[in-house]
Amino acid sequence: MKLLHIDSSILGPHSISRTLSAEIVEQQRKLHPGLEVIYRDLAAEPQLHLSSDHIAAWQGTAPQDAGVQQDLASGNAALEELLAADIIVIGAPMYNFAIPSQLKAWIDRLVIAGRTFHYTAMGPEGLVPKGKKVIIASSRGGTYAPNSPAAAFEHQESYLKGALGFIGLTDVTIIRAEGVALGDEARDAAIAAARKEISALAA
């Protein structure tokens, strides 16, 4: 089996999502002996943000800019890694109510018409092979429960589930540490609850 491990936090060793994603990966190693892990640190090696050159290249025009050429090759490799993986673990903190721009740039390399989805008479259809499992390590400074005052600002987990589901990744589990900026007690409780969920993950 293959596991693709993605981190996107810019906080390095201080990142809660990185801590949780690493612990999820270790739990998966225990559940799947011999698991092959591929790791991408999107903060250390970010993709470029989309440009007109990227769109033109996907439509068949070869880019002249060497940086774009390299980025397209890296993006294609990222897509192939996703397609080859049986399990995808994503460390996804909330920044200003949404995901990090580095993570968005990575997703932009995955949601490509004709590669991971296409339009049909019945609407869009995901093309990513079935059976893949996604586990998201989510961290948030505040709380965004559906009926909370801040619920309308939640564009992190909802975006990830929507974008991944659009290309066919519908088996998504979220391990969440929420309210981590509300004091030490709240932070410790949120991390402990997330770790309990990690230990309960099944194969």
Protein backbone atom coordinates (compact mmCIF):
# COMPACT_ATOMS: atom_id res chain seq x y z
CA MET A 1 0.00 0.00 0.00
CA LYS A 2 1.01 3.61 -0.57
CA LEU A 3 0.32 6.65 1.59
CA LEU A 4 0.71 10.25 0.45
CA HIS A 5 1.45 12.61 3.36
CA ILE A 6 0.88 16.32 2.74
CA ASP A 7 1.75 19.15 5.15
CA SER A 8 0.92 22.79 4.50
CA SER A 9 1.43 24.69 7.77
CA ILE A 10 4.01 27.48 7.79
CA LEU A 11 4.66 27.05 11.53
CA GLY A 12 7.20 24.22 11.33
CA PRO A 13 7.68 22.38 14.66
CA HIS A 14 5.09 24.66 16.32
CA SER A 15 2.34 23.44 14.00
CA ILE A 16 -0.50 21.42 15.48
CA SER A 17 -1.66 20.14 12.08
CA ARG A 18 1.86 18.85 11.36
CA THR A 19 1.98 17.09 14.72
CA LEU A 20 -1.40 15.46 14.13
CA SER A 21 -0.71 14.50 10.52
CA ALA A 22 2.55 12.81 11.57
CA GLU A 23 0.72 10.88 14.29
CA ILE A 24 -1.94 9.82 11.79
CA VAL A 25 0.77 8.51 9.47
CA GLU A 26 2.38 6.55 12.32
CA GLN A 27 -1.00 5.04 13.19
CA GLN A 28 -1.46 4.02 9.56
CA ARG A 29 1.99 2.39 9.58
CA LYS A 30 0.87 0.27 12.52
CA LEU A 31 -2.34 -0.67 10.75
CA HIS A 32 -0.62 -1.43 7.44
CA PRO A 33 2.82 -3.01 7.91
CA GLY A 34 5.09 -2.32 4.95
CA LEU A 35 3.23 0.86 4.07
CA GLU A 36 5.16 3.05 1.59
CA VAL A 37 4.99 6.74 2.52
CA ILE A 38 5.58 9.67 0.15
CA TYR A 39 5.91 13.06 1.85
CA ARG A 40 5.36 16.56 0.45
CA ASP A 41 5.94 19.70 2.50
CA LEU A 42 4.04 22.39 0.64
CA ALA A 43 5.42 25.17 2.81
CA ALA A 44 9.02 24.16 2.08
CA GLU A 45 8.42 23.43 -1.63
CA PRO A 46 5.31 25.34 -2.72
CA GLN A 47 3.75 25.15 -6.15
CA LEU A 48 3.37 28.40 -8.06
CA HIS A 49 -0.03 30.01 -8.02
CA LEU A 50 -1.95 29.51 -11.24
CA SER A 51 -1.22 31.84 -14.14
CA SER A 52 -2.42 32.26 -17.70
CA ASP A 53 0.64 30.20 -18.76
CA HIS A 54 -0.61 27.24 -16.72
CA ILE A 55 -4.05 27.39 -18.30
CA ALA A 56 -2.56 27.72 -21.78
CA ALA A 57 -0.29 24.72 -21.14
CA TRP A 58 -3.25 22.58 -20.09
CA GLN A 59 -4.92 23.61 -23.33
CA GLY A 60 -1.94 22.52 -25.40
CA THR A 61 0.35 25.56 -25.67
CA ALA A 62 3.91 24.87 -24.51
CA PRO A 63 5.04 27.45 -21.92
CA GLN A 64 8.18 29.46 -22.65
CA ASP A 65 8.97 30.37 -19.05
CA ALA A 66 11.37 27.87 -17.46
CA GLY A 67 9.84 28.38 -14.04
CA VAL A 68 6.39 27.50 -15.31
CA GLN A 69 7.77 24.47 -17.15
CA GLN A 70 9.34 23.21 -13.94
CA ASP A 71 6.19 23.93 -11.95
CA LEU A 72 4.04 22.04 -14.46
CA ALA A 73 6.35 19.04 -14.18
CA SER A 74 6.14 19.22 -10.38
CA GLY A 75 2.36 19.55 -10.55
CA ASN A 76 2.10 16.51 -12.80
CA ALA A 77 4.23 14.55 -10.33
CA ALA A 78 1.92 15.67 -7.51
CA LEU A 79 -1.09 14.39 -9.44
CA GLU A 80 0.58 11.06 -10.16
CA GLU A 81 1.42 10.70 -6.45
CA LEU A 82 -2.22 11.24 -5.58
CA LEU A 83 -3.43 8.74 -8.18
CA ALA A 84 -0.96 6.11 -6.95
CA ALA A 85 -1.83 6.52 -3.26
CA ASP A 86 -4.26 4.31 -1.37
CA ILE A 87 -4.33 6.67 1.62
CA ILE A 88 -3.90 10.46 1.57
CA VAL A 89 -3.13 12.29 4.83
CA ILE A 90 -3.40 16.09 4.67
CA GLY A 91 -2.28 18.51 7.37
CA ALA A 92 -4.59 21.50 6.92
CA PRO A 93 -4.62 24.41 9.35
CA MET A 94 -7.16 27.20 9.03
CA TYR A 95 -5.66 30.55 8.01
CA ASN A 96 -8.08 33.49 7.89
CA PHE A 97 -11.10 31.17 7.66
CA ALA A 98 -9.72 29.06 4.78
CA ILE A 99 -6.85 26.74 3.88
CA PRO A 100 -3.24 27.91 3.39
CA SER A 101 -2.55 29.27 -0.10
CA GLN A 102 0.17 26.62 -0.45
CA LEU A 103 -2.45 23.90 -0.04
CA LYS A 104 -4.77 25.64 -2.48
CA ALA A 105 -1.96 25.74 -5.08
CA TRP A 106 -1.46 21.97 -4.64
CA ILE A 107 -5.19 21.32 -5.08
CA ASP A 108 -5.11 23.42 -8.24
CA ARG A 109 -2.74 20.79 -9.66
CA LEU A 110 -5.27 18.04 -8.93
CA VAL A 111 -8.58 19.48 -10.13
CA ILE A 112 -7.97 19.34 -13.87
CA ALA A 113 -10.67 18.76 -16.47
CA GLY A 114 -10.08 15.55 -18.39
CA ARG A 115 -7.64 14.23 -15.81
CA THR A 116 -9.51 14.04 -12.52
CA PHE A 117 -13.03 15.09 -13.55
CA HIS A 118 -15.16 15.65 -16.59
CA TYR A 119 -18.56 17.08 -17.36
CA THR A 120 -21.40 14.82 -18.44
CA ALA A 121 -25.03 15.37 -19.35
CA MET A 122 -25.79 14.67 -15.69
CA GLY A 123 -23.19 17.13 -14.41
CA PRO A 124 -19.54 16.82 -13.28
CA GLU A 125 -18.09 13.39 -12.52
CA GLY A 126 -14.91 12.62 -10.61
CA LEU A 127 -12.35 10.43 -12.37
CA VAL A 128 -10.03 9.56 -9.47
CA PRO A 129 -10.19 5.77 -8.94
CA LYS A 130 -12.50 4.63 -6.17
CA GLY A 131 -11.34 3.15 -2.89
CA LYS A 132 -8.89 5.80 -1.75
CA LYS A 133 -9.08 7.03 1.84
CA VAL A 134 -8.41 10.63 2.86
CA ILE A 135 -7.62 11.67 6.44
CA ILE A 136 -7.38 15.40 7.17
CA ALA A 137 -5.57 16.75 10.22
CA SER A 138 -7.43 20.01 10.79
CA SER A 139 -6.40 22.71 13.27
CA ARG A 140 -8.28 25.91 14.04
CA GLY A 141 -7.70 28.75 16.45
CA GLY A 142 -11.42 29.34 17.05
CA THR A 143 -14.54 27.18 17.01
CA TYR A 144 -16.77 26.83 13.96
CA ALA A 145 -19.50 24.34 14.85
CA PRO A 146 -22.51 24.41 12.48
CA ASN A 147 -24.72 26.39 14.87
CA SER A 148 -22.01 28.62 16.33
CA PRO A 149 -21.75 32.39 15.62
CA ALA A 150 -18.61 31.77 13.56
CA ALA A 151 -20.06 28.96 11.43
CA ALA A 152 -20.46 31.22 8.39
CA PHE A 153 -16.69 31.84 8.35
CA GLU A 154 -15.78 28.17 7.94
CA HIS A 155 -14.24 27.78 4.46
CA GLN A 156 -11.51 25.29 5.36
CA GLU A 157 -12.87 21.79 5.92
CA SER A 158 -15.94 22.46 3.76
CA TYR A 159 -13.71 23.54 0.87
CA LEU A 160 -11.45 20.50 1.21
CA LYS A 161 -14.35 18.04 1.31
CA GLY A 162 -15.99 19.78 -1.64
CA ALA A 163 -12.88 19.96 -3.82
CA LEU A 164 -11.75 16.42 -3.05
CA GLY A 165 -15.27 15.02 -3.49
CA PHE A 166 -15.53 16.80 -6.84
CA ILE A 167 -12.71 14.65 -8.24
CA GLY A 168 -13.98 11.44 -6.65
CA LEU A 169 -12.33 11.39 -3.20
CA THR A 170 -15.42 10.95 -1.04
CA ASP A 171 -14.08 8.75 1.78
CA VAL A 172 -12.87 11.62 3.97
CA THR A 173 -12.20 11.51 7.71
CA ILE A 174 -11.44 14.73 9.59
CA ILE A 175 -9.37 14.69 12.77
CA ARG A 176 -9.92 18.14 14.26
CA ALA A 177 -8.17 20.19 16.94
CA GLU A 178 -10.40 23.24 17.32
CA GLY A 179 -10.17 26.26 19.60
CA VAL A 180 -6.40 25.95 20.00
CA ALA A 181 -5.96 29.72 20.34
CA LEU A 182 -8.44 29.99 23.22
CA GLY A 183 -5.91 29.34 25.97
CA ASP A 184 -3.62 26.54 27.10
CA GLU A 185 -6.40 24.48 28.63
CA ALA A 186 -8.54 24.61 25.50
CA ARG A 187 -5.51 23.87 23.31
CA ASP A 188 -4.46 20.84 25.35
CA ALA A 189 -8.03 19.50 25.44
CA ALA A 190 -8.41 19.89 21.67
CA ILE A 191 -5.15 18.08 20.94
CA ALA A 192 -6.00 15.29 23.41
CA ALA A 193 -9.40 14.80 21.76
CA ALA A 194 -7.79 14.66 18.32
CA ARG A 195 -5.24 12.11 19.52
CA LYS A 196 -8.02 9.95 20.91
CA GLU A 197 -9.65 9.96 17.46
CA ILE A 198 -6.34 9.06 15.84
CA SER A 199 -5.86 6.08 18.13
CA ALA A 200 -9.34 4.89 17.18
CA LEU A 201 -8.70 4.94 13.42
CA ALA A 202 -9.30 1.59 11.79
CA ALA A 203 -7.68 0.01 8.75
